[in-house]
Amino acid sequence: MANSHAVSLPTATGIPSGKLGMWIFLASEVMFFTGLIGAYVVLRSAPGWPGPEGHLSVPIGTTNTLILIGSSVTIVLSLAASQQEAMRLTRWWLLATILLGSSFLVIKGFEYSAKFSHHIFPSTNVFWSCYFALTGFHALHVLGGVVFNLWVLSRTLNAEVWQLQRQRLEYAGLYWHFVDIVWIFLFPLLYLI
């Protein structure tokens, strides 16, 4: 009997199709962010680079870095709990991941608001254009990860559905680690150098 919630089948590589699809998607995302970060590095090396003019808060950037690193830990703990059939802990750690990701977005929102209140916009200069593009696209990816994790959390509420879709937590974890790694590159490039 066919089931619309069936576990993804292995491909010719032996890797489940869902995992292979996630790795291919992440490869395209790596290329996207490599292009953005590469453009930033090239522009930054140009004469007359304006720099951030002292308007980036290292403590705020550090806080967001620690939040995302913590969220990587919580999603690993959620996956470990799932593998041990500890559903309550699976939900708890996944919810913690969602809350940490949401906290990152709230802090980024306050940071953007502070910039706007000081009349700093993407059109202010090339640094701010790069800053808003890089952090804005990253924030959209964090939001996508929060939504994906919420969807996975909803799957945990029905035991039958979860047994058929539990591998999606691993896929969510792969995506979430990617989002965190991107920030690990953005934080020093934008806030420290």
N, C-alpha and C. Protein backbone atom coordinates (compact mmCIF):
# COMPACT_ATOMS: atom_id res chain seq x y z
N MET A 1 0.84 -1.19 0.00
CA MET A 1 0.00 0.00 0.00
C MET A 1 0.88 1.25 0.00
N ALA A 2 0.68 2.13 -0.97
CA ALA A 2 1.48 3.35 -1.08
C ALA A 2 1.09 4.33 0.01
N ASN A 3 2.07 5.04 0.51
CA ASN A 3 1.84 6.03 1.55
C ASN A 3 2.52 7.33 1.11
N SER A 4 1.78 8.45 1.23
CA SER A 4 2.33 9.73 0.80
C SER A 4 3.43 10.21 1.74
N HIS A 5 3.56 9.58 2.89
CA HIS A 5 4.59 9.98 3.85
C HIS A 5 5.74 8.98 3.87
N ALA A 6 5.94 8.25 2.79
CA ALA A 6 6.94 7.18 2.76
C ALA A 6 8.34 7.73 2.97
N VAL A 7 9.18 6.92 3.57
CA VAL A 7 10.57 7.25 3.78
C VAL A 7 11.25 7.35 2.42
N SER A 8 12.18 8.32 2.27
CA SER A 8 12.83 8.48 0.98
C SER A 8 13.67 7.26 0.65
N LEU A 9 13.62 6.87 -0.60
CA LEU A 9 14.31 5.67 -1.06
C LEU A 9 15.76 5.98 -1.39
N PRO A 10 16.65 4.99 -1.22
CA PRO A 10 18.05 5.21 -1.60
C PRO A 10 18.17 5.45 -3.09
N THR A 11 19.15 6.21 -3.47
CA THR A 11 19.45 6.45 -4.87
C THR A 11 20.52 5.46 -5.32
N ALA A 12 20.97 5.59 -6.55
CA ALA A 12 22.03 4.71 -7.05
C ALA A 12 23.30 4.86 -6.23
N THR A 13 23.46 6.00 -5.56
CA THR A 13 24.64 6.23 -4.73
C THR A 13 24.53 5.55 -3.38
N GLY A 14 23.33 5.08 -3.04
CA GLY A 14 23.11 4.49 -1.72
C GLY A 14 22.68 5.53 -0.70
N ILE A 15 22.66 6.78 -1.09
CA ILE A 15 22.23 7.87 -0.19
C ILE A 15 20.74 8.07 -0.40
N PRO A 16 19.96 8.18 0.70
CA PRO A 16 18.53 8.43 0.53
C PRO A 16 18.29 9.68 -0.32
N SER A 17 17.24 9.64 -1.13
CA SER A 17 16.99 10.73 -2.07
C SER A 17 16.79 12.06 -1.37
N GLY A 18 16.15 12.07 -0.21
CA GLY A 18 15.96 13.32 0.53
C GLY A 18 17.27 13.93 0.97
N LYS A 19 18.18 13.10 1.45
CA LYS A 19 19.49 13.59 1.89
C LYS A 19 20.31 14.07 0.69
N LEU A 20 20.27 13.32 -0.40
CA LEU A 20 20.98 13.73 -1.61
C LEU A 20 20.44 15.06 -2.11
N GLY A 21 19.12 15.20 -2.10
CA GLY A 21 18.50 16.46 -2.51
C GLY A 21 18.95 17.62 -1.64
N MET A 22 19.03 17.39 -0.32
CA MET A 22 19.47 18.45 0.59
C MET A 22 20.92 18.83 0.31
N TRP A 23 21.78 17.84 0.07
CA TRP A 23 23.18 18.15 -0.22
C TRP A 23 23.33 18.93 -1.53
N ILE A 24 22.53 18.59 -2.53
CA ILE A 24 22.58 19.33 -3.80
C ILE A 24 22.09 20.76 -3.60
N PHE A 25 21.01 20.90 -2.84
CA PHE A 25 20.49 22.24 -2.52
C PHE A 25 21.55 23.05 -1.78
N LEU A 26 22.19 22.45 -0.77
CA LEU A 26 23.21 23.16 0.00
C LEU A 26 24.41 23.53 -0.88
N ALA A 27 24.75 22.68 -1.85
CA ALA A 27 25.84 23.02 -2.77
C ALA A 27 25.49 24.28 -3.56
N SER A 28 24.23 24.41 -3.99
CA SER A 28 23.83 25.62 -4.70
C SER A 28 23.86 26.83 -3.79
N GLU A 29 23.52 26.64 -2.53
CA GLU A 29 23.55 27.75 -1.56
C GLU A 29 24.99 28.17 -1.26
N VAL A 30 25.90 27.20 -1.21
CA VAL A 30 27.32 27.52 -1.02
C VAL A 30 27.79 28.40 -2.18
N MET A 31 27.40 28.06 -3.41
CA MET A 31 27.79 28.86 -4.57
C MET A 31 27.21 30.27 -4.48
N PHE A 32 25.96 30.38 -4.04
CA PHE A 32 25.31 31.68 -3.90
C PHE A 32 26.07 32.56 -2.92
N PHE A 33 26.32 32.04 -1.72
CA PHE A 33 27.01 32.85 -0.72
C PHE A 33 28.48 33.07 -1.06
N THR A 34 29.11 32.12 -1.75
CA THR A 34 30.49 32.32 -2.19
C THR A 34 30.56 33.50 -3.15
N GLY A 35 29.58 33.60 -4.03
CA GLY A 35 29.53 34.74 -4.95
C GLY A 35 29.36 36.06 -4.22
N LEU A 36 28.44 36.09 -3.26
CA LEU A 36 28.22 37.32 -2.49
C LEU A 36 29.46 37.71 -1.68
N ILE A 37 30.02 36.73 -0.98
CA ILE A 37 31.18 37.02 -0.14
C ILE A 37 32.38 37.39 -1.02
N GLY A 38 32.53 36.70 -2.16
CA GLY A 38 33.61 37.04 -3.08
C GLY A 38 33.49 38.46 -3.60
N ALA A 39 32.29 38.88 -3.95
CA ALA A 39 32.07 40.25 -4.40
C ALA A 39 32.45 41.25 -3.31
N TYR A 40 32.07 40.93 -2.08
CA TYR A 40 32.41 41.80 -0.94
C TYR A 40 33.93 41.93 -0.79
N VAL A 41 34.64 40.81 -0.86
CA VAL A 41 36.10 40.82 -0.70
C VAL A 41 36.75 41.65 -1.83
N VAL A 42 36.27 41.49 -3.05
CA VAL A 42 36.83 42.25 -4.17
C VAL A 42 36.55 43.73 -3.99
N LEU A 43 35.31 44.09 -3.63
CA LEU A 43 34.97 45.49 -3.44
C LEU A 43 35.77 46.10 -2.29
N ARG A 44 35.97 45.31 -1.25
CA ARG A 44 36.69 45.80 -0.08
C ARG A 44 38.16 46.10 -0.40
N SER A 45 38.72 45.39 -1.37
CA SER A 45 40.12 45.61 -1.72
C SER A 45 40.31 46.81 -2.66
N ALA A 46 39.21 47.41 -3.09
CA ALA A 46 39.29 48.56 -4.00
C ALA A 46 39.73 49.81 -3.24
N PRO A 47 40.44 50.70 -3.93
CA PRO A 47 40.84 51.96 -3.28
C PRO A 47 39.59 52.77 -2.89
N GLY A 48 39.68 53.44 -1.78
CA GLY A 48 38.57 54.28 -1.34
C GLY A 48 37.47 53.52 -0.63
N TRP A 49 37.75 52.29 -0.21
CA TRP A 49 36.75 51.51 0.53
C TRP A 49 36.32 52.31 1.76
N PRO A 50 35.01 52.55 1.92
CA PRO A 50 34.57 53.42 3.02
C PRO A 50 34.62 52.78 4.40
N GLY A 51 34.51 51.46 4.49
CA GLY A 51 34.49 50.81 5.81
C GLY A 51 33.19 51.06 6.54
N PRO A 52 33.01 50.42 7.68
CA PRO A 52 31.75 50.54 8.41
C PRO A 52 31.62 51.85 9.18
N GLU A 53 32.71 52.65 9.25
CA GLU A 53 32.68 53.94 9.93
C GLU A 53 32.28 53.81 11.39
N GLY A 54 32.65 52.68 12.02
CA GLY A 54 32.42 52.52 13.45
C GLY A 54 31.00 52.24 13.87
N HIS A 55 30.13 51.88 12.94
CA HIS A 55 28.71 51.70 13.28
C HIS A 55 28.30 50.26 13.54
N LEU A 56 29.22 49.30 13.41
CA LEU A 56 28.87 47.92 13.70
C LEU A 56 29.23 47.59 15.14
N SER A 57 28.31 46.96 15.83
CA SER A 57 28.52 46.61 17.23
C SER A 57 29.08 45.20 17.33
N VAL A 58 30.34 45.09 17.74
CA VAL A 58 30.96 43.78 17.91
C VAL A 58 30.23 42.97 18.98
N PRO A 59 29.81 43.57 20.12
CA PRO A 59 29.06 42.77 21.10
C PRO A 59 27.76 42.18 20.54
N ILE A 60 27.06 42.94 19.70
CA ILE A 60 25.83 42.41 19.10
C ILE A 60 26.17 41.28 18.13
N GLY A 61 27.19 41.48 17.30
CA GLY A 61 27.61 40.43 16.38
C GLY A 61 28.08 39.18 17.12
N THR A 62 28.80 39.38 18.21
CA THR A 62 29.27 38.25 19.02
C THR A 62 28.10 37.51 19.65
N THR A 63 27.14 38.26 20.17
CA THR A 63 25.95 37.64 20.76
C THR A 63 25.22 36.78 19.74
N ASN A 64 25.03 37.32 18.54
CA ASN A 64 24.35 36.54 17.50
C ASN A 64 25.17 35.32 17.10
N THR A 65 26.49 35.44 17.12
CA THR A 65 27.35 34.29 16.81
C THR A 65 27.15 33.20 17.86
N LEU A 66 27.18 33.58 19.12
CA LEU A 66 26.98 32.61 20.20
C LEU A 66 25.60 31.97 20.14
N ILE A 67 24.60 32.76 19.78
CA ILE A 67 23.24 32.22 19.64
C ILE A 67 23.20 31.15 18.55
N LEU A 68 23.80 31.43 17.41
CA LEU A 68 23.77 30.45 16.32
C LEU A 68 24.61 29.22 16.65
N ILE A 69 25.74 29.40 17.30
CA ILE A 69 26.53 28.23 17.71
C ILE A 69 25.71 27.39 18.69
N GLY A 70 25.04 28.04 19.63
CA GLY A 70 24.17 27.32 20.56
C GLY A 70 23.06 26.57 19.85
N SER A 71 22.51 27.19 18.80
CA SER A 71 21.42 26.54 18.08
C SER A 71 21.91 25.32 17.30
N SER A 72 23.17 25.32 16.89
CA SER A 72 23.74 24.13 16.25
C SER A 72 23.83 22.99 17.26
N VAL A 73 24.17 23.33 18.49
CA VAL A 73 24.24 22.32 19.55
C VAL A 73 22.85 21.76 19.82
N THR A 74 21.85 22.63 19.91
CA THR A 74 20.50 22.16 20.25
C THR A 74 19.91 21.28 19.16
N ILE A 75 20.20 21.57 17.90
CA ILE A 75 19.64 20.71 16.85
C ILE A 75 20.34 19.35 16.84
N VAL A 76 21.62 19.31 17.19
CA VAL A 76 22.31 18.02 17.32
C VAL A 76 21.71 17.22 18.48
N LEU A 77 21.42 17.90 19.58
CA LEU A 77 20.80 17.24 20.73
C LEU A 77 19.40 16.73 20.39
N SER A 78 18.68 17.48 19.56
CA SER A 78 17.35 17.04 19.13
C SER A 78 17.46 15.76 18.29
N LEU A 79 18.40 15.73 17.38
CA LEU A 79 18.60 14.54 16.54
C LEU A 79 19.02 13.34 17.40
N ALA A 80 19.91 13.58 18.36
CA ALA A 80 20.36 12.50 19.24
C ALA A 80 19.18 11.96 20.06
N ALA A 81 18.32 12.85 20.55
CA ALA A 81 17.15 12.42 21.32
C ALA A 81 16.20 11.63 20.43
N SER A 82 16.04 12.06 19.18
CA SER A 82 15.17 11.34 18.25
C SER A 82 15.69 9.93 18.00
N GLN A 83 16.99 9.80 17.86
CA GLN A 83 17.59 8.48 17.61
C GLN A 83 17.44 7.55 18.81
N GLN A 84 17.26 8.14 20.00
CA GLN A 84 17.04 7.36 21.21
C GLN A 84 15.55 7.20 21.53
N GLU A 85 14.70 7.64 20.59
CA GLU A 85 13.24 7.55 20.75
C GLU A 85 12.72 8.39 21.92
N ALA A 86 13.44 9.42 22.30
CA ALA A 86 13.03 10.31 23.40
C ALA A 86 12.30 11.51 22.79
N MET A 87 11.02 11.33 22.50
CA MET A 87 10.28 12.34 21.76
C MET A 87 10.14 13.66 22.52
N ARG A 88 9.97 13.58 23.81
CA ARG A 88 9.83 14.82 24.59
C ARG A 88 11.10 15.66 24.46
N LEU A 89 12.25 15.01 24.59
CA LEU A 89 13.53 15.72 24.43
C LEU A 89 13.75 16.18 22.99
N THR A 90 13.34 15.36 22.04
CA THR A 90 13.45 15.75 20.62
C THR A 90 12.72 17.06 20.40
N ARG A 91 11.49 17.13 20.89
CA ARG A 91 10.68 18.35 20.72
C ARG A 91 11.32 19.52 21.46
N TRP A 92 11.77 19.28 22.69
CA TRP A 92 12.34 20.34 23.51
C TRP A 92 13.56 20.96 22.82
N TRP A 93 14.50 20.12 22.37
CA TRP A 93 15.71 20.65 21.74
C TRP A 93 15.41 21.30 20.40
N LEU A 94 14.44 20.77 19.67
CA LEU A 94 14.06 21.39 18.40
C LEU A 94 13.40 22.75 18.65
N LEU A 95 12.56 22.82 19.67
CA LEU A 95 11.96 24.11 20.04
C LEU A 95 13.03 25.10 20.47
N ALA A 96 14.03 24.64 21.22
CA ALA A 96 15.14 25.51 21.63
C ALA A 96 15.87 26.05 20.40
N THR A 97 16.07 25.21 19.40
CA THR A 97 16.71 25.63 18.15
C THR A 97 15.89 26.72 17.48
N ILE A 98 14.59 26.51 17.43
CA ILE A 98 13.68 27.49 16.81
C ILE A 98 13.73 28.82 17.57
N LEU A 99 13.71 28.75 18.89
CA LEU A 99 13.75 29.97 19.70
C LEU A 99 15.08 30.70 19.55
N LEU A 100 16.17 29.97 19.49
CA LEU A 100 17.47 30.60 19.28
C LEU A 100 17.55 31.25 17.91
N GLY A 101 17.08 30.56 16.88
CA GLY A 101 17.06 31.15 15.54
C GLY A 101 16.19 32.39 15.49
N SER A 102 15.05 32.35 16.16
CA SER A 102 14.16 33.51 16.22
C SER A 102 14.82 34.66 16.97
N SER A 103 15.56 34.34 18.03
CA SER A 103 16.29 35.37 18.79
C SER A 103 17.32 36.05 17.90
N PHE A 104 18.02 35.27 17.10
CA PHE A 104 18.97 35.84 16.15
C PHE A 104 18.27 36.87 15.25
N LEU A 105 17.10 36.50 14.73
CA LEU A 105 16.37 37.39 13.83
C LEU A 105 15.88 38.65 14.54
N VAL A 106 15.44 38.50 15.77
CA VAL A 106 14.97 39.67 16.54
C VAL A 106 16.14 40.64 16.77
N ILE A 107 17.28 40.10 17.17
CA ILE A 107 18.46 40.95 17.39
C ILE A 107 18.88 41.62 16.09
N LYS A 108 18.87 40.87 15.00
CA LYS A 108 19.22 41.45 13.70
C LYS A 108 18.22 42.55 13.33
N GLY A 109 16.94 42.35 13.66
CA GLY A 109 15.92 43.38 13.42
C GLY A 109 16.21 44.65 14.20
N PHE A 110 16.60 44.51 15.48
CA PHE A 110 16.97 45.68 16.28
C PHE A 110 18.21 46.36 15.70
N GLU A 111 19.15 45.56 15.25
CA GLU A 111 20.37 46.11 14.66
C GLU A 111 20.04 46.91 13.40
N TYR A 112 19.19 46.36 12.53
CA TYR A 112 18.77 47.08 11.33
C TYR A 112 18.04 48.36 11.71
N SER A 113 17.16 48.27 12.68
CA SER A 113 16.39 49.44 13.11
C SER A 113 17.32 50.55 13.60
N ALA A 114 18.35 50.18 14.34
CA ALA A 114 19.31 51.18 14.82
C ALA A 114 20.02 51.84 13.65
N LYS A 115 20.38 51.05 12.65
CA LYS A 115 21.04 51.62 11.46
C LYS A 115 20.11 52.61 10.76
N PHE A 116 18.85 52.19 10.57
CA PHE A 116 17.90 53.06 9.87
C PHE A 116 17.66 54.34 10.65
N SER A 117 17.61 54.24 11.99
CA SER A 117 17.37 55.44 12.80
C SER A 117 18.55 56.41 12.72
N HIS A 118 19.73 55.92 12.37
CA HIS A 118 20.91 56.77 12.16
C HIS A 118 21.09 57.12 10.69
N HIS A 119 20.04 56.90 9.91
CA HIS A 119 20.03 57.21 8.48
C HIS A 119 21.11 56.45 7.71
N ILE A 120 21.29 55.20 8.10
CA ILE A 120 22.22 54.32 7.39
C ILE A 120 21.37 53.30 6.63
N PHE A 121 21.48 53.33 5.32
CA PHE A 121 20.68 52.48 4.45
C PHE A 121 21.62 51.77 3.46
N PRO A 122 21.10 50.80 2.71
CA PRO A 122 21.96 50.16 1.69
C PRO A 122 22.55 51.17 0.71
N SER A 123 21.87 52.27 0.48
CA SER A 123 22.36 53.27 -0.47
C SER A 123 23.37 54.24 0.13
N THR A 124 23.68 54.11 1.42
CA THR A 124 24.60 55.04 2.08
C THR A 124 25.99 54.98 1.44
N ASN A 125 26.53 53.79 1.28
CA ASN A 125 27.79 53.60 0.57
C ASN A 125 27.94 52.12 0.24
N VAL A 126 29.05 51.77 -0.40
CA VAL A 126 29.22 50.39 -0.86
C VAL A 126 29.34 49.42 0.32
N PHE A 127 29.94 49.85 1.45
CA PHE A 127 30.01 48.94 2.60
C PHE A 127 28.61 48.58 3.07
N TRP A 128 27.77 49.58 3.25
CA TRP A 128 26.42 49.31 3.78
C TRP A 128 25.58 48.53 2.78
N SER A 129 25.81 48.75 1.50
CA SER A 129 25.12 47.95 0.50
C SER A 129 25.50 46.48 0.66
N CYS A 130 26.80 46.21 0.82
CA CYS A 130 27.26 44.84 1.02
C CYS A 130 26.75 44.27 2.34
N TYR A 131 26.82 45.08 3.40
CA TYR A 131 26.38 44.63 4.72
C TYR A 131 24.92 44.19 4.68
N PHE A 132 24.06 45.04 4.16
CA PHE A 132 22.63 44.71 4.13
C PHE A 132 22.33 43.54 3.21
N ALA A 133 23.05 43.45 2.09
CA ALA A 133 22.84 42.32 1.17
C ALA A 133 23.25 41.01 1.84
N LEU A 134 24.46 40.97 2.40
CA LEU A 134 24.96 39.74 3.01
C LEU A 134 24.13 39.33 4.23
N THR A 135 23.91 40.26 5.14
CA THR A 135 23.17 39.90 6.36
C THR A 135 21.69 39.72 6.07
N GLY A 136 21.16 40.43 5.08
CA GLY A 136 19.75 40.27 4.73
C GLY A 136 19.46 38.90 4.13
N PHE A 137 20.32 38.50 3.18
CA PHE A 137 20.13 37.16 2.61
C PHE A 137 20.36 36.08 3.66
N HIS A 138 21.32 36.30 4.54
CA HIS A 138 21.54 35.33 5.60
C HIS A 138 20.32 35.25 6.51
N ALA A 139 19.77 36.40 6.88
CA ALA A 139 18.58 36.41 7.75
C ALA A 139 17.41 35.69 7.09
N LEU A 140 17.25 35.84 5.78
CA LEU A 140 16.19 35.12 5.08
C LEU A 140 16.42 33.62 5.17
N HIS A 141 17.67 33.20 5.12
CA HIS A 141 17.97 31.77 5.25
C HIS A 141 17.71 31.28 6.67
N VAL A 142 18.02 32.12 7.66
CA VAL A 142 17.70 31.75 9.05
C VAL A 142 16.18 31.61 9.19
N LEU A 143 15.44 32.57 8.63
CA LEU A 143 13.98 32.49 8.69
C LEU A 143 13.48 31.21 8.02
N GLY A 144 14.04 30.86 6.87
CA GLY A 144 13.68 29.61 6.21
C GLY A 144 13.98 28.41 7.09
N GLY A 145 15.11 28.44 7.79
CA GLY A 145 15.45 27.35 8.70
C GLY A 145 14.50 27.26 9.88
N VAL A 146 14.09 28.40 10.41
CA VAL A 146 13.11 28.42 11.51
C VAL A 146 11.80 27.80 11.04
N VAL A 147 11.35 28.18 9.85
CA VAL A 147 10.10 27.64 9.31
C VAL A 147 10.23 26.13 9.08
N PHE A 148 11.34 25.70 8.50
CA PHE A 148 11.59 24.27 8.26
C PHE A 148 11.58 23.51 9.59
N ASN A 149 12.24 24.06 10.61
CA ASN A 149 12.27 23.41 11.92
C ASN A 149 10.89 23.37 12.56
N LEU A 150 10.11 24.42 12.37
CA LEU A 150 8.72 24.41 12.87
C LEU A 150 7.92 23.30 12.19
N TRP A 151 8.12 23.14 10.90
CA TRP A 151 7.41 22.09 10.17
C TRP A 151 7.83 20.71 10.69
N VAL A 152 9.14 20.52 10.89
CA VAL A 152 9.62 19.24 11.43
C VAL A 152 9.03 19.02 12.82
N LEU A 153 8.99 20.07 13.64
CA LEU A 153 8.40 19.96 14.98
C LEU A 153 6.94 19.51 14.89
N SER A 154 6.21 20.04 13.92
CA SER A 154 4.80 19.63 13.76
C SER A 154 4.69 18.15 13.41
N ARG A 155 5.68 17.60 12.72
CA ARG A 155 5.68 16.18 12.36
C ARG A 155 5.85 15.28 13.59
N THR A 156 6.46 15.81 14.64
CA THR A 156 6.70 15.01 15.85
C THR A 156 5.43 14.79 16.66
N LEU A 157 4.37 15.52 16.35
CA LEU A 157 3.15 15.45 17.15
C LEU A 157 2.30 14.23 16.84
N ASN A 158 2.57 13.57 15.73
CA ASN A 158 1.85 12.36 15.36
C ASN A 158 2.87 11.22 15.23
N ALA A 159 2.78 10.24 16.11
CA ALA A 159 3.78 9.16 16.16
C ALA A 159 3.90 8.42 14.83
N GLU A 160 2.78 8.15 14.15
CA GLU A 160 2.84 7.43 12.88
C GLU A 160 3.55 8.25 11.80
N VAL A 161 3.20 9.52 11.74
CA VAL A 161 3.84 10.40 10.76
C VAL A 161 5.33 10.52 11.07
N TRP A 162 5.66 10.66 12.36
CA TRP A 162 7.06 10.81 12.73
C TRP A 162 7.89 9.59 12.34
N GLN A 163 7.35 8.41 12.53
CA GLN A 163 8.10 7.20 12.18
C GLN A 163 8.44 7.17 10.69
N LEU A 164 7.59 7.75 9.88
CA LEU A 164 7.82 7.77 8.44
C LEU A 164 8.66 8.96 7.97
N GLN A 165 8.70 10.04 8.80
CA GLN A 165 9.36 11.27 8.36
C GLN A 165 10.49 11.72 9.27
N ARG A 166 10.92 10.90 10.18
CA ARG A 166 11.93 11.30 11.16
C ARG A 166 13.25 11.73 10.52
N GLN A 167 13.58 11.22 9.33
CA GLN A 167 14.82 11.60 8.67
C GLN A 167 14.84 13.08 8.31
N ARG A 168 13.68 13.71 8.28
CA ARG A 168 13.62 15.14 7.94
C ARG A 168 14.31 16.00 9.00
N LEU A 169 14.39 15.49 10.23
CA LEU A 169 15.12 16.22 11.27
C LEU A 169 16.60 16.29 10.91
N GLU A 170 17.14 15.22 10.37
CA GLU A 170 18.54 15.24 9.94
C GLU A 170 18.73 16.25 8.81
N TYR A 171 17.79 16.31 7.87
CA TYR A 171 17.89 17.25 6.76
C TYR A 171 17.81 18.69 7.28
N ALA A 172 16.90 18.91 8.24
CA ALA A 172 16.80 20.24 8.86
C ALA A 172 18.10 20.60 9.55
N GLY A 173 18.72 19.62 10.19
CA GLY A 173 20.00 19.85 10.86
C GLY A 173 21.10 20.21 9.88
N LEU A 174 21.15 19.53 8.74
CA LEU A 174 22.15 19.86 7.72
C LEU A 174 21.98 21.30 7.26
N TYR A 175 20.74 21.70 7.00
CA TYR A 175 20.46 23.07 6.56
C TYR A 175 20.86 24.06 7.65
N TRP A 176 20.50 23.74 8.91
CA TRP A 176 20.76 24.65 10.01
C TRP A 176 22.26 24.85 10.21
N HIS A 177 23.03 23.78 10.10
CA HIS A 177 24.48 23.90 10.24
C HIS A 177 25.05 24.77 9.11
N PHE A 178 24.50 24.64 7.92
CA PHE A 178 24.93 25.48 6.81
C PHE A 178 24.71 26.96 7.14
N VAL A 179 23.53 27.29 7.64
CA VAL A 179 23.20 28.68 8.00
C VAL A 179 24.19 29.19 9.05
N ASP A 180 24.51 28.35 10.02
CA ASP A 180 25.46 28.74 11.05
C ASP A 180 26.86 28.97 10.49
N ILE A 181 27.30 28.09 9.59
CA ILE A 181 28.63 28.22 9.00
C ILE A 181 28.73 29.50 8.19
N VAL A 182 27.68 29.85 7.46
CA VAL A 182 27.71 31.10 6.69
C VAL A 182 27.94 32.27 7.63
N TRP A 183 27.24 32.27 8.78
CA TRP A 183 27.42 33.37 9.73
C TRP A 183 28.84 33.41 10.29
N ILE A 184 29.44 32.25 10.48
CA ILE A 184 30.82 32.18 10.98
C ILE A 184 31.77 32.90 10.01
N PHE A 185 31.45 32.90 8.72
CA PHE A 185 32.24 33.65 7.75
C PHE A 185 31.86 35.13 7.75
N LEU A 186 30.56 35.42 7.86
CA LEU A 186 30.12 36.81 7.78
C LEU A 186 30.54 37.63 8.99
N PHE A 187 30.48 37.04 10.18
CA PHE A 187 30.79 37.79 11.39
C PHE A 187 32.18 38.42 11.35
N PRO A 188 33.25 37.67 11.13
CA PRO A 188 34.56 38.34 11.11
C PRO A 188 34.73 39.29 9.93
N LEU A 189 34.20 38.90 8.75
CA LEU A 189 34.36 39.75 7.57
C LEU A 189 33.71 41.12 7.76
N LEU A 190 32.53 41.13 8.38
CA LEU A 190 31.79 42.38 8.52
C LEU A 190 32.07 43.12 9.84
N TYR A 191 32.24 42.38 10.91
CA TYR A 191 32.31 42.99 12.23
C TYR A 191 33.73 43.16 12.77
N LEU A 192 34.67 42.31 12.36
CA LEU A 192 35.98 42.30 13.00
C LEU A 192 37.12 42.83 12.12
N ILE A 193 37.01 42.60 10.82
CA ILE A 193 38.14 42.99 9.93
C ILE A 193 37.93 44.41 9.40
